[in-house]
Structures are given as structure tokens and as C-alpha cells.
Protein backbone atom coordinates (compact mmCIF):
# COMPACT_ATOMS: atom_id res chain seq x y z
CA MET A 1 -133.84 -25.30 -47.99
CA THR A 2 -131.34 -23.87 -50.48
CA PRO A 3 -128.37 -26.04 -51.55
CA ASN A 4 -125.98 -24.40 -49.05
CA LYS A 5 -128.49 -24.78 -46.20
CA THR A 6 -129.00 -28.09 -44.41
CA LYS A 7 -131.49 -28.81 -41.65
CA HIS A 8 -129.88 -30.15 -38.48
CA GLN A 9 -130.57 -33.87 -38.14
CA ALA A 10 -131.78 -33.55 -34.52
CA SER A 11 -134.10 -30.59 -35.08
CA PHE A 12 -137.57 -31.84 -35.96
CA ARG A 13 -139.60 -32.06 -32.77
CA ASP A 14 -140.59 -28.43 -32.16
CA PRO A 15 -143.14 -26.83 -34.54
CA SER A 16 -141.92 -23.39 -33.38
CA GLY A 17 -138.71 -23.68 -35.43
CA TYR A 18 -135.62 -25.66 -36.24
CA MET A 19 -131.83 -25.52 -36.43
CA PHE A 20 -130.04 -25.48 -39.77
CA TYR A 21 -126.57 -25.06 -41.20
CA ASP A 22 -125.99 -22.10 -43.48
CA GLY A 23 -122.72 -23.34 -44.91
CA PRO A 24 -120.65 -24.03 -41.79
CA VAL A 25 -122.69 -21.67 -39.57
CA LEU A 26 -125.39 -23.13 -37.31
CA LYS A 27 -128.53 -20.96 -37.23
CA ARG A 28 -132.08 -21.21 -35.94
CA ALA A 29 -135.19 -20.66 -38.03
CA ILE A 30 -138.33 -19.43 -36.26
CA ASN A 31 -141.71 -20.27 -37.77
CA PRO A 32 -144.69 -17.83 -37.79
CA ILE A 33 -146.43 -19.88 -35.07
CA TYR A 34 -143.79 -18.57 -32.62
CA PHE A 35 -143.40 -14.97 -33.87
CA LYS A 36 -145.64 -13.54 -31.12
CA GLN A 37 -143.73 -15.24 -28.33
CA TYR A 38 -140.32 -14.43 -29.81
CA ASP A 39 -141.14 -10.74 -30.25
CA ALA A 40 -142.52 -10.49 -26.72
CA LEU A 41 -139.48 -12.22 -25.25
CA THR A 42 -137.21 -9.93 -27.22
CA SER A 43 -138.96 -6.58 -26.71
CA SER A 44 -139.45 -7.17 -22.97
CA GLY A 45 -135.73 -7.66 -22.46
CA PHE A 46 -136.31 -11.24 -21.25
CA PHE A 47 -133.77 -12.77 -23.61
CA GLN A 48 -131.25 -9.99 -23.01
CA LYS A 49 -131.32 -10.40 -19.21
CA LEU A 50 -130.74 -14.16 -19.46
CA MET A 51 -127.92 -13.72 -21.96
CA GLU A 52 -126.24 -11.08 -19.79
CA ARG A 53 -126.32 -13.49 -16.84
CA GLY A 54 -124.81 -16.32 -18.91
CA LEU A 55 -127.92 -18.49 -18.50
CA LEU A 56 -129.03 -18.50 -22.16
CA ILE A 57 -126.73 -18.85 -25.16
CA PRO A 58 -126.44 -15.41 -26.82
CA HIS A 59 -127.96 -14.92 -30.25
CA THR A 60 -128.46 -12.18 -32.80
CA GLU A 61 -131.32 -11.77 -35.24
CA THR A 62 -129.84 -12.01 -38.72
CA ALA A 63 -132.86 -12.16 -41.03
CA ARG A 64 -136.62 -11.61 -40.92
CA SER A 65 -139.51 -12.08 -43.33
CA ASP A 66 -143.23 -12.83 -43.06
CA ALA A 67 -142.40 -16.51 -43.47
CA GLN A 68 -139.44 -16.87 -41.12
CA ILE A 69 -137.19 -15.19 -38.58
CA GLU A 70 -133.56 -16.28 -38.51
CA ILE A 71 -131.27 -15.99 -35.49
CA THR A 72 -127.62 -16.93 -35.19
CA PRO A 73 -126.51 -18.24 -31.77
CA GLU A 74 -123.02 -17.95 -30.36
CA VAL A 75 -120.81 -20.83 -31.48
CA ILE A 76 -120.43 -23.70 -29.01
CA PRO A 77 -117.32 -25.65 -30.07
CA PHE A 78 -118.41 -28.96 -28.56
CA ILE A 79 -121.86 -30.16 -27.53
CA SER A 80 -121.75 -32.64 -24.65
CA GLN A 81 -124.71 -34.83 -23.74
CA PRO A 82 -126.25 -35.29 -20.26
CA TYR A 83 -125.11 -38.93 -20.02
CA GLU A 84 -121.50 -37.73 -20.45
CA TRP A 85 -121.59 -35.52 -17.35
CA SER A 86 -120.66 -36.10 -13.75
CA PHE A 87 -123.35 -36.08 -11.05
CA ASP A 88 -122.74 -32.42 -10.20
CA GLN A 89 -122.79 -31.39 -13.85
CA LEU A 90 -126.25 -32.92 -14.28
CA LYS A 91 -127.32 -31.43 -10.95
CA HIS A 92 -126.24 -27.93 -11.97
CA ALA A 93 -128.03 -28.31 -15.32
CA ALA A 94 -131.20 -29.22 -13.37
CA LEU A 95 -130.83 -26.22 -11.09
CA LEU A 96 -130.34 -23.96 -14.11
CA THR A 97 -133.59 -25.27 -15.63
CA LEU A 98 -135.51 -24.58 -12.40
CA GLN A 99 -133.90 -21.15 -12.12
CA LEU A 100 -135.06 -20.34 -15.65
CA GLN A 101 -138.61 -21.49 -14.93
CA LYS A 102 -138.78 -19.34 -11.80
CA PHE A 103 -137.44 -16.33 -13.69
CA ALA A 104 -139.88 -16.96 -16.57
CA LEU A 105 -142.91 -17.19 -14.27
CA ASN A 106 -142.04 -13.89 -12.65
CA LYS A 107 -141.88 -12.28 -16.10
CA GLY A 108 -145.12 -13.74 -17.45
CA PHE A 109 -143.60 -16.67 -19.33
CA SER A 110 -143.02 -20.38 -18.77
CA LEU A 111 -140.81 -23.18 -20.09
CA LYS A 112 -142.87 -25.34 -22.40
CA ASP A 113 -140.29 -28.13 -22.27
CA ALA A 114 -137.54 -29.05 -19.83
CA SER A 115 -135.42 -31.59 -21.67
CA ALA A 116 -131.88 -32.15 -20.41
CA TYR A 117 -130.78 -31.73 -24.03
CA ASN A 118 -131.77 -28.07 -23.82
CA VAL A 119 -128.66 -27.57 -21.67
CA THR A 120 -125.01 -28.02 -22.52
CA TYR A 121 -121.69 -26.93 -21.03
CA HIS A 122 -119.96 -23.86 -22.44
CA GLN A 123 -117.16 -21.73 -20.98
CA GLY A 124 -117.10 -23.69 -17.74
CA HIS A 125 -120.77 -23.67 -16.82
CA PRO A 126 -124.17 -24.99 -17.96
CA VAL A 127 -126.05 -22.84 -20.45
CA PHE A 128 -129.56 -23.14 -21.89
CA ILE A 129 -129.46 -23.50 -25.68
CA ASP A 130 -133.08 -23.90 -26.79
CA THR A 131 -134.19 -20.31 -27.33
CA LEU A 132 -137.69 -21.37 -28.41
CA SER A 133 -138.53 -23.28 -25.22
CA PHE A 134 -140.26 -20.27 -23.62
CA ASP A 135 -143.99 -19.61 -24.00
CA PHE A 136 -146.57 -17.28 -22.45
CA TYR A 137 -147.67 -18.20 -18.94
CA GLN A 138 -151.37 -19.04 -18.73
CA GLU A 139 -153.05 -18.10 -15.48
CA SER A 140 -153.53 -21.06 -13.10
CA ALA A 141 -152.08 -23.51 -15.63
CA PRO A 142 -149.74 -26.19 -14.23
CA TRP A 143 -146.14 -26.29 -15.45
CA ARG A 144 -146.39 -27.95 -18.83
CA ALA A 145 -142.84 -29.31 -18.67
CA TYR A 146 -143.03 -30.61 -15.09
CA LYS A 147 -143.12 -34.32 -15.91
CA GLN A 148 -140.37 -33.91 -18.47
CA PHE A 149 -138.19 -32.26 -15.85
CA ILE A 150 -138.79 -35.15 -13.47
CA MET A 151 -137.89 -37.73 -16.13
CA HIS A 152 -134.83 -35.92 -17.48
CA PHE A 153 -133.33 -34.56 -14.27
CA LEU A 154 -134.79 -35.70 -10.96
CA SER A 155 -135.01 -39.37 -11.95
CA PRO A 156 -131.34 -39.94 -12.95
CA LEU A 157 -130.11 -37.80 -10.05
CA VAL A 158 -132.00 -39.66 -7.33
CA LEU A 159 -131.18 -43.05 -8.88
CA ALA A 160 -127.47 -42.11 -8.87
CA HIS A 161 -127.81 -40.83 -5.31
CA TYR A 162 -129.04 -44.23 -4.16
CA HIS A 163 -127.33 -46.61 -6.60
CA GLY A 164 -124.20 -44.90 -7.93
CA GLY A 165 -122.92 -43.29 -11.11
CA ASP A 166 -123.96 -46.02 -13.54
CA MET A 167 -127.52 -44.69 -13.23
CA LEU A 168 -126.38 -41.50 -14.97
CA LYS A 169 -125.89 -43.54 -18.15
CA LEU A 170 -129.50 -44.78 -18.11
CA PRO A 171 -130.75 -41.81 -20.21
CA GLN A 172 -128.78 -43.27 -23.16
CA ASN A 173 -131.58 -45.84 -23.37
CA HIS A 174 -134.36 -43.31 -22.74
CA ILE A 175 -133.97 -40.28 -24.97
CA ASP A 176 -137.31 -38.89 -23.72
CA GLY A 177 -136.34 -39.30 -20.08
CA ILE A 178 -136.40 -42.19 -17.61
CA PRO A 179 -140.02 -43.37 -17.19
CA VAL A 180 -141.37 -42.43 -13.79
CA ALA A 181 -142.63 -45.95 -13.15
CA LEU A 182 -139.14 -47.33 -13.76
CA THR A 183 -137.61 -44.79 -11.40
CA ALA A 184 -140.16 -45.62 -8.70
CA SER A 185 -139.48 -49.34 -9.06
CA LEU A 186 -135.71 -48.83 -8.67
CA LEU A 187 -135.84 -46.56 -5.64
CA PRO A 188 -135.58 -48.12 -2.15
CA LEU A 189 -138.64 -48.22 0.10
CA LYS A 190 -137.13 -45.58 2.38
CA SER A 191 -137.34 -43.06 -0.47
CA ARG A 192 -141.11 -42.91 0.17
CA LEU A 193 -140.34 -41.16 3.44
CA SER A 194 -139.08 -38.16 1.46
CA SER A 195 -141.99 -35.83 0.74
CA THR A 196 -140.21 -34.66 -2.43
CA LEU A 197 -139.70 -38.18 -3.79
CA TYR A 198 -143.09 -39.44 -2.70
CA THR A 199 -144.88 -36.55 -4.40
CA ASN A 200 -142.76 -36.20 -7.54
CA ILE A 201 -141.89 -39.86 -8.20
CA HIS A 202 -144.02 -42.42 -6.35
CA LEU A 203 -147.34 -40.57 -6.44
CA LEU A 204 -146.75 -39.49 -10.03
CA ALA A 205 -146.09 -43.13 -10.99
CA LYS A 206 -149.35 -44.18 -9.30
CA LEU A 207 -151.32 -41.53 -11.14
CA GLU A 208 -149.73 -42.62 -14.42
CA ALA A 209 -150.71 -46.23 -13.82
CA LYS A 210 -154.23 -45.25 -12.84
CA HIS A 211 -154.83 -43.19 -15.98
CA LYS A 212 -152.69 -45.08 -18.51
CA ASP A 213 -155.77 -46.32 -20.40
CA ASP A 214 -157.58 -42.98 -20.41
CA TYR A 215 -157.90 -41.90 -24.04
CA GLN A 216 -160.50 -39.18 -23.61
CA GLU A 217 -159.80 -35.63 -22.58
CA PRO A 218 -160.18 -35.32 -18.80
CA LYS A 219 -163.45 -33.72 -17.69
CA ARG A 220 -161.81 -31.88 -14.79
CA VAL A 221 -159.29 -29.20 -15.72
CA ILE A 222 -156.30 -29.24 -13.38
CA THR A 223 -155.29 -25.81 -12.10
CA LEU A 224 -152.28 -24.59 -10.15
CA SER A 225 -151.73 -21.06 -8.98
CA LYS A 226 -148.52 -19.26 -9.84
CA LYS A 227 -147.63 -19.09 -6.14
CA ALA A 228 -148.11 -22.84 -5.74
CA GLN A 229 -145.99 -23.47 -8.82
CA LEU A 230 -143.22 -21.22 -7.50
CA ASN A 231 -143.33 -23.09 -4.17
CA MET A 232 -143.03 -26.41 -6.03
CA ILE A 233 -140.03 -25.13 -7.98
CA GLU A 234 -138.37 -23.85 -4.81
CA ALA A 235 -138.90 -27.22 -3.11
CA LEU A 236 -137.42 -29.11 -6.06
CA PHE A 237 -134.50 -26.66 -6.23
CA ASP A 238 -133.66 -27.07 -2.53
CA TYR A 239 -133.94 -30.87 -2.68
CA ILE A 240 -131.76 -31.25 -5.78
CA LYS A 241 -129.21 -28.74 -4.50
CA GLY A 242 -128.66 -30.97 -1.46
CA LEU A 243 -128.31 -34.24 -3.40
CA LYS A 244 -124.94 -36.01 -3.37
CA MET A 245 -123.55 -39.19 -4.87
CA HIS A 246 -121.38 -41.41 -2.68
CA GLN A 247 -119.49 -44.04 -4.62
CA GLU A 248 -116.00 -45.49 -4.32
CA THR A 249 -114.35 -46.03 -7.71
CA GLU A 250 -111.10 -47.59 -8.86
CA TRP A 251 -109.48 -44.50 -10.34
CA GLY A 252 -111.03 -41.72 -8.26
CA ASP A 253 -107.67 -41.31 -6.50
CA TYR A 254 -105.43 -42.23 -9.43
CA TYR A 255 -102.57 -39.92 -8.57
CA GLY A 256 -102.52 -41.29 -5.04
CA LYS A 257 -101.82 -44.74 -6.51
CA THR A 258 -99.46 -43.75 -9.31
CA ASN A 259 -96.02 -45.31 -9.65
CA TYR A 260 -94.42 -42.00 -10.76
CA THR A 261 -91.74 -40.38 -8.67
CA PRO A 262 -92.06 -36.59 -8.22
CA GLU A 263 -89.22 -36.20 -10.74
CA SER A 264 -90.85 -38.37 -13.41
CA PHE A 265 -94.20 -36.69 -12.77
CA ASP A 266 -92.70 -33.24 -13.37
CA PHE A 267 -90.73 -34.47 -16.40
CA LYS A 268 -93.93 -35.74 -18.00
CA LYS A 269 -95.62 -32.37 -17.46
CA THR A 270 -92.68 -30.47 -18.93
CA GLN A 271 -92.42 -32.73 -21.98
CA LEU A 272 -96.13 -32.49 -22.66
CA ALA A 273 -96.00 -28.70 -22.50
CA ARG A 274 -93.02 -28.61 -24.89
CA TRP A 275 -94.72 -30.77 -27.53
CA VAL A 276 -98.06 -28.97 -27.32
CA SER A 277 -96.24 -25.65 -27.77
CA MET A 278 -94.15 -27.05 -30.62
CA VAL A 279 -97.18 -28.07 -32.69
CA LYS A 280 -99.00 -24.84 -31.75
CA ALA A 281 -102.04 -26.70 -30.45
CA LYS A 282 -104.97 -24.60 -29.27
CA THR A 283 -107.55 -27.34 -28.88
CA LEU A 284 -107.15 -30.85 -27.51
CA VAL A 285 -108.91 -33.92 -26.25
CA ASP A 286 -107.38 -35.95 -23.43
CA LEU A 287 -108.91 -39.43 -23.57
CA GLY A 288 -107.71 -40.60 -20.17
CA GLY A 289 -107.33 -37.29 -18.41
CA ASN A 290 -108.40 -38.30 -14.89
CA ASP A 291 -108.89 -35.05 -12.93
CA GLY A 292 -107.17 -32.86 -15.52
CA THR A 293 -103.83 -32.59 -13.71
CA PHE A 294 -101.63 -32.80 -16.81
CA VAL A 295 -103.84 -30.63 -19.01
CA ARG A 296 -103.80 -27.88 -16.41
CA CYS A 297 -100.07 -27.38 -16.99
CA ILE A 298 -100.89 -26.23 -20.54
CA LEU A 299 -104.41 -24.89 -20.01
CA PRO A 300 -103.50 -21.17 -20.21
CA ASP A 301 -102.50 -21.68 -23.85
CA MET A 302 -105.66 -23.61 -24.81
CA ASP A 303 -108.81 -22.31 -26.46
CA LEU A 304 -110.63 -25.45 -25.36
CA ALA A 305 -109.51 -28.70 -23.75
CA LEU A 306 -111.86 -31.68 -23.52
CA VAL A 307 -110.72 -33.89 -20.63
CA ALA A 308 -112.43 -37.26 -20.58
CA ASP A 309 -112.12 -40.17 -18.19
CA ILE A 310 -113.81 -43.50 -17.48
CA ASP A 311 -114.07 -42.82 -13.73
CA PRO A 312 -117.07 -40.68 -12.67
CA ASN A 313 -115.33 -39.57 -9.47
CA ALA A 314 -112.28 -38.38 -11.42
CA VAL A 315 -114.59 -36.43 -13.76
CA ALA A 316 -116.39 -35.00 -10.71
CA GLN A 317 -113.08 -33.89 -9.16
CA ASN A 318 -112.09 -32.24 -12.41
CA TYR A 319 -115.42 -30.40 -12.64
CA ARG A 320 -115.06 -29.14 -9.07
CA GLN A 321 -111.65 -27.73 -9.96
CA VAL A 322 -113.04 -26.13 -13.11
CA ARG A 323 -115.63 -24.33 -11.00
CA ALA A 324 -113.23 -23.41 -8.22
CA ASN A 325 -110.64 -22.05 -10.67
CA LYS A 326 -113.28 -20.44 -12.92
CA GLU A 327 -111.74 -22.23 -15.91
CA GLN A 328 -113.70 -21.42 -19.05
CA ASN A 329 -111.60 -23.46 -21.46
CA MET A 330 -111.80 -26.95 -19.94
CA LEU A 331 -114.73 -29.35 -20.29
CA PRO A 332 -114.74 -32.52 -18.13
CA LEU A 333 -116.43 -35.50 -19.80
CA TRP A 334 -117.32 -39.00 -18.67
CA LEU A 335 -116.10 -41.36 -21.39
CA ASP A 336 -115.18 -45.02 -21.72
CA VAL A 337 -112.96 -45.27 -24.82
CA LEU A 338 -113.97 -48.94 -25.13
CA GLN A 339 -117.65 -47.97 -25.20
CA PRO A 340 -118.06 -44.32 -26.21
CA SER A 341 -121.53 -42.79 -26.27
CA PRO A 342 -123.43 -44.13 -29.30
CA GLY A 343 -125.72 -42.19 -31.58
CA ILE A 344 -129.28 -42.39 -30.23
CA GLY A 345 -132.78 -41.35 -31.26
CA LEU A 346 -134.19 -41.23 -34.78
CA ASN A 347 -131.83 -43.06 -37.19
CA ASN A 348 -129.30 -43.03 -34.34
CA GLN A 349 -128.62 -39.44 -35.39
CA GLU A 350 -130.87 -37.35 -33.17
CA ARG A 351 -128.03 -37.23 -30.64
CA SER A 352 -124.82 -37.97 -32.48
CA SER A 353 -122.19 -40.30 -31.09
CA MET A 354 -119.19 -39.17 -29.10
CA ILE A 355 -116.86 -40.32 -31.89
CA GLU A 356 -118.75 -38.24 -34.47
CA ARG A 357 -118.67 -35.17 -32.25
CA LEU A 358 -114.97 -35.55 -31.43
CA ALA A 359 -114.17 -35.97 -35.12
CA GLY A 360 -116.21 -32.85 -35.86
CA PHE A 361 -114.46 -30.93 -33.11
CA ALA A 362 -111.16 -31.98 -34.76
CA PRO A 363 -108.80 -31.01 -31.94
CA ASP A 364 -105.26 -29.98 -32.80
CA ILE A 365 -103.85 -32.74 -30.60
CA THR A 366 -105.05 -35.89 -28.84
CA LEU A 367 -103.57 -37.04 -25.54
CA ALA A 368 -103.53 -40.67 -24.46
CA LEU A 369 -101.49 -40.70 -21.26
CA ALA A 370 -101.33 -43.86 -19.14
CA LEU A 371 -104.13 -45.34 -21.23
CA ILE A 372 -102.88 -47.80 -23.86
CA HIS A 373 -102.02 -50.58 -21.38
CA HIS A 374 -105.57 -50.51 -20.01
CA VAL A 375 -107.11 -50.53 -23.49
CA THR A 376 -104.81 -53.34 -24.67
CA LEU A 377 -104.72 -55.57 -21.61
CA SER A 378 -108.10 -54.90 -19.98
CA GLY A 379 -110.01 -54.47 -23.22
CA ASN A 380 -108.02 -56.98 -25.33
CA VAL A 381 -107.80 -54.34 -28.08
CA PRO A 382 -105.00 -54.82 -30.67
CA PHE A 383 -102.55 -51.94 -31.01
CA ALA A 384 -103.60 -51.34 -34.62
CA SER A 385 -107.25 -50.92 -33.61
CA SER A 386 -106.28 -48.38 -30.96
CA ALA A 387 -104.15 -46.51 -33.48
CA ALA A 388 -107.09 -46.40 -35.91
CA PHE A 389 -109.29 -45.02 -33.14
CA PHE A 390 -106.87 -42.23 -32.19
CA ALA A 391 -106.29 -41.35 -35.84
CA ARG A 392 -109.94 -40.31 -36.19
CA PHE A 393 -109.55 -37.13 -34.22
CA SER A 394 -106.43 -35.03 -34.79
CA ASN A 395 -103.18 -34.65 -36.68
CA TYR A 396 -101.04 -35.04 -33.57
CA LEU A 397 -101.06 -37.63 -30.83
CA VAL A 398 -99.14 -37.68 -27.56
CA ILE A 399 -99.25 -41.20 -26.21
CA GLU A 400 -97.56 -42.84 -23.25
CA PHE A 401 -96.43 -46.46 -23.50
CA PRO A 402 -95.79 -48.34 -20.24
CA LYS A 403 -93.33 -51.11 -21.01
CA ARG A 404 -93.87 -54.70 -20.00
CA GLU A 405 -91.86 -54.32 -16.77
CA ASP A 406 -94.04 -51.41 -15.57
CA SER A 407 -95.75 -52.32 -12.28
CA TRP A 408 -99.24 -51.51 -13.58
CA VAL A 409 -98.64 -53.60 -16.71
CA GLN A 410 -97.45 -56.49 -14.56
CA SER A 411 -100.58 -56.19 -12.43
CA LEU A 412 -102.85 -56.23 -15.49
CA LEU A 413 -101.00 -59.22 -16.95
CA LEU A 414 -101.35 -61.20 -13.72
CA ARG A 415 -105.11 -60.75 -13.92
CA LYS A 416 -105.04 -62.72 -17.18
CA ARG A 417 -104.21 -65.84 -15.17
CA GLU A 418 -103.92 -68.85 -17.51
CA PHE A 419 -104.17 -66.60 -20.59
CA ILE A 420 -101.14 -64.50 -19.69
CA ASN A 421 -99.06 -66.01 -22.50
CA HIS A 422 -101.60 -64.85 -25.06
CA PHE A 423 -100.39 -61.29 -24.48
CA ASP A 424 -96.78 -61.73 -25.55
CA HIS A 425 -97.52 -59.13 -28.24
CA TYR A 426 -97.57 -56.43 -25.56
CA HIS A 427 -94.11 -54.94 -26.05
CA GLN A 428 -92.65 -51.70 -27.35
CA ALA A 429 -91.58 -52.90 -30.80
CA ALA A 430 -95.07 -54.22 -31.63
CA PHE A 431 -96.64 -51.01 -30.36
CA GLU A 432 -94.40 -48.88 -32.61
CA GLU A 433 -94.93 -51.13 -35.62
CA ASP A 434 -98.73 -51.05 -35.43
CA PHE A 435 -99.01 -47.35 -34.63
CA SER A 436 -96.69 -46.61 -37.55
CA LEU A 437 -99.46 -47.78 -39.86
CA PHE A 438 -101.37 -44.63 -38.99
CA PHE A 439 -98.79 -42.25 -37.52
CA SER A 440 -95.20 -41.22 -38.03
CA ILE A 441 -93.20 -41.14 -34.81
CA GLU A 442 -91.87 -37.58 -34.56
CA GLU A 443 -90.17 -37.90 -31.17
CA GLN A 444 -89.95 -40.38 -28.34
CA ILE A 445 -88.42 -40.01 -24.92
CA ALA A 446 -88.17 -42.23 -21.86
CA ILE A 447 -89.68 -40.87 -18.65
CA PRO A 448 -86.89 -40.92 -16.03
CA GLN A 449 -87.24 -43.24 -13.04
CA SER A 450 -90.04 -45.15 -14.74
CA ALA A 451 -90.63 -47.91 -17.28
CA ARG A 452 -92.63 -45.61 -19.52
CA VAL A 453 -92.00 -43.88 -22.86
CA LEU A 454 -93.67 -40.77 -24.25
CA TYR A 455 -94.27 -40.43 -27.99
CA LEU A 456 -95.21 -37.50 -30.17
CA MET A 457 -96.84 -38.85 -33.32
CA LYS A 458 -98.21 -37.22 -36.46
CA ARG A 459 -101.07 -38.72 -38.43
CA LYS A 460 -100.17 -40.00 -41.88
CA ASN A 461 -102.24 -38.55 -44.69
CA ASP A 462 -101.60 -41.68 -46.71
CA GLY A 463 -102.25 -44.09 -43.83
CA PRO A 464 -105.03 -46.69 -43.76
CA HIS A 465 -108.48 -45.26 -44.26
CA GLY A 466 -111.89 -46.30 -43.09
CA VAL A 467 -111.18 -44.92 -39.61
């Protein structure tokens, strides 16, 4: 690699090629081992059809030699990871993968891998981003990526279906997919009555256990006709399409529990819109955005808004609205600010952490509405630590401070029981003092008919570092 070219830290598994940065531009290098497949996929119009349908990230060929082909994909401003999606987001990524495999088979190709990391969300919908995952179909050969699909998609989806949203975070501990044996052990006995789950989970786990000590190449070659493979894909597609997750959560109906009056609610929307317009923000991250209600009042002026929340049902509601409204510039994310997604994989860098990706995204403004009292009182986080966290992302911060007399603050304080007096520091003056270490307070305004104050802050260039 030349000095201005840097190989992407996560791109080392596929011998067909790798991702690299040419200065600030992310490109893909294709090795000679994949030239034949790439040229066939290109000349047949396979890639073009998928790109036209929005199923595959568009790319252009920008260089070619006997040693390497170089393509430049369309820029994706923010890469989200599967364990940061709602149930339906993961489900739609699974359906996209099956749709691609069906299309590929009908065109004489096949997906050689079916990792969930081959999909991300872009312009409001899932898109496949690993251009080199397609190979020639071999007559009567089983789907090479079948087990990977089961581990990356079917396993977390069915576990969440039976046990709730926390199962969707399990892939953080299993970068190569949830082991089939683990999935089988966690599913209820009644799941064996499903032909789909018995065949694709329980029976697969039995076969794994039976052959786990087989180190020699099997004497019998397994075959599967194309028709049988298409039937299997159709069956998986129909089953996954019908899957749902039923789980009651604390904040799934946040705005039904809010202590805002209609007047204060509208005032908050208006003030937010004024400040976002004033600083000319085109990108933002909302770190407690619930179902995206407040961001939607400014969404027409945004290039991209990341709206994150701790509640999976709130994220799911937001995603449903994104789809219903055909919003291409909002990305719902499942995020706990007290425990953001860590870096995982090789050197903890194969999939970078949420904090690293947000810092790289560098939004024009960060929103923290109705959040600081939960972070401070539920998480026991000092104001200064919260300020350091918010200062990592953008120059501007809009933050809402519920004063001590706010009903939600009072409720959180009461939960401290005998330790309630240890939280005397929770008051407006202390909040302003600690946040002033990192930010200058540009404006502040009380929300009418509430015990809450909105602040517009600007990050100090000479503030504390190491954040």
C-alpha cells in the first residue's frame, strides 16, 4: 500500500479482495482470484440490476491492472451494526439476503457468504455492501452460506421472538454468528413443532454434535438441486417474514407518559428547530430520540439524522415510521448511552465501537433531550463525565435539563431510597458548572408549563481533552 492508502482494519477475511482508504475515500481492491467472477457479474448486468433496485450499494470501476481491479462504492455516511437494529430491521436485512440468493441462483450465481455484516442501512432501507460475496453457482451444490445465514439471522430473530429484544444483542459476543447448538438450547420445547425450526436449528445442531470430531473429508458428497434450494429459501423467507417480537418495555410509549403539556411540547419543537437552523446543522445524532418525534420537526432540512434510543420498542416504532413515510435521511438505532456498542473482533477493531463511529460521523449537532436525569440518577454518572461524553461528537449540543422539582426527577430520586441524600449535587447550578468545562452556554430557555430548561451549547476548543 502507498503512503496515502490504508487497508481497512476489518477487511482481511476474504481472499477475493479488501477495502482500503485512498486518502479519505473508501475503495475496494479486487484480487486476480476473483477477476473471472467480477467480470461475469459485471458483463451479465447482474450488478447493474441489483444496484438499480437499491439492493446492492452502487459502485464504479476506477482502476484496473493485471494485478488488481479497483472499484469505488457509493459513500455510506454511517455504518450501523446488526446488534444496533430493531427486530424488524434485522428481519428485513435477513429477507434482503434471501432475496439476493434467490436472484443469484436464477442468474447462475450464488452467495458464498451470508454474514449480517454484509448488510447495513442506507437511505432508509437495508442494502447489501459486500460486492465480492457472489460466486458462480455449481450444479447440485448446497448453499455454501446456509449455516452462516442461520447463525447470523435466523438464530437471533427466533431467540428474540421467544425471549425478547435482549437476544438481539447476543451477536455482540458472537461475531461469527450465534452457534446453532446455543440457539437450540435456548429455544423452548414447543419450537420443535415448527418444521422450519426443527430442520434449520434443532436438526442442524444434532448433526453438528454428531460430526464435531470428524476431521477427515466426508466420503459422501452432499448434493442439493437448484429447485430444492429455491424451495428452502422460499420457506425460510416466508417463515422469517411472519416473525414478530412481543415485548413490553418501559419507554415504548414514552410520549403517552410524558409530563409535557401540549403547549410545552410544541414550544420544545419550535425552539429545537430554531437552534438547528441557527447553527446551519445538516447532520445530527439524537442520543435519546425515542420514536423520532422531535427530529421529525426538522427532518426536511437534514442530510442525515441518527436517532438512537435505549428502548427497542421505541426504535421499532421509529423504523416503522421511517418506512411508512419513505424517509431516506433518518436512521433509527438501538443504543444505551451507558453501555454503547464496544469494538469487537480482531484487536477489538474488526467492528468498531459506536463511539468511534459517531466521532467519525462528526454530526453538526448532538441532541440530548430528556436524557441527562436518567444518565445522572439511574446511571450515577457525574455531570462532568456526561459532558465529556457529549463533547466527543459535535461542535453543538442541545440538551434538556429537568430541574429537581420535575416529576420524573422526583420519581428517580425516590428510587434511591436511603441514598437519596447522596444526590444533592443534582441541581441546575452544578449542571451548568460542570458542562461549562467542555461547552460554552450560548443560549438557555425555560420550557413553559414545565420544570425543564433547554440549552444550546458550543464545544470549547480549549476545553479538557482526552475525551
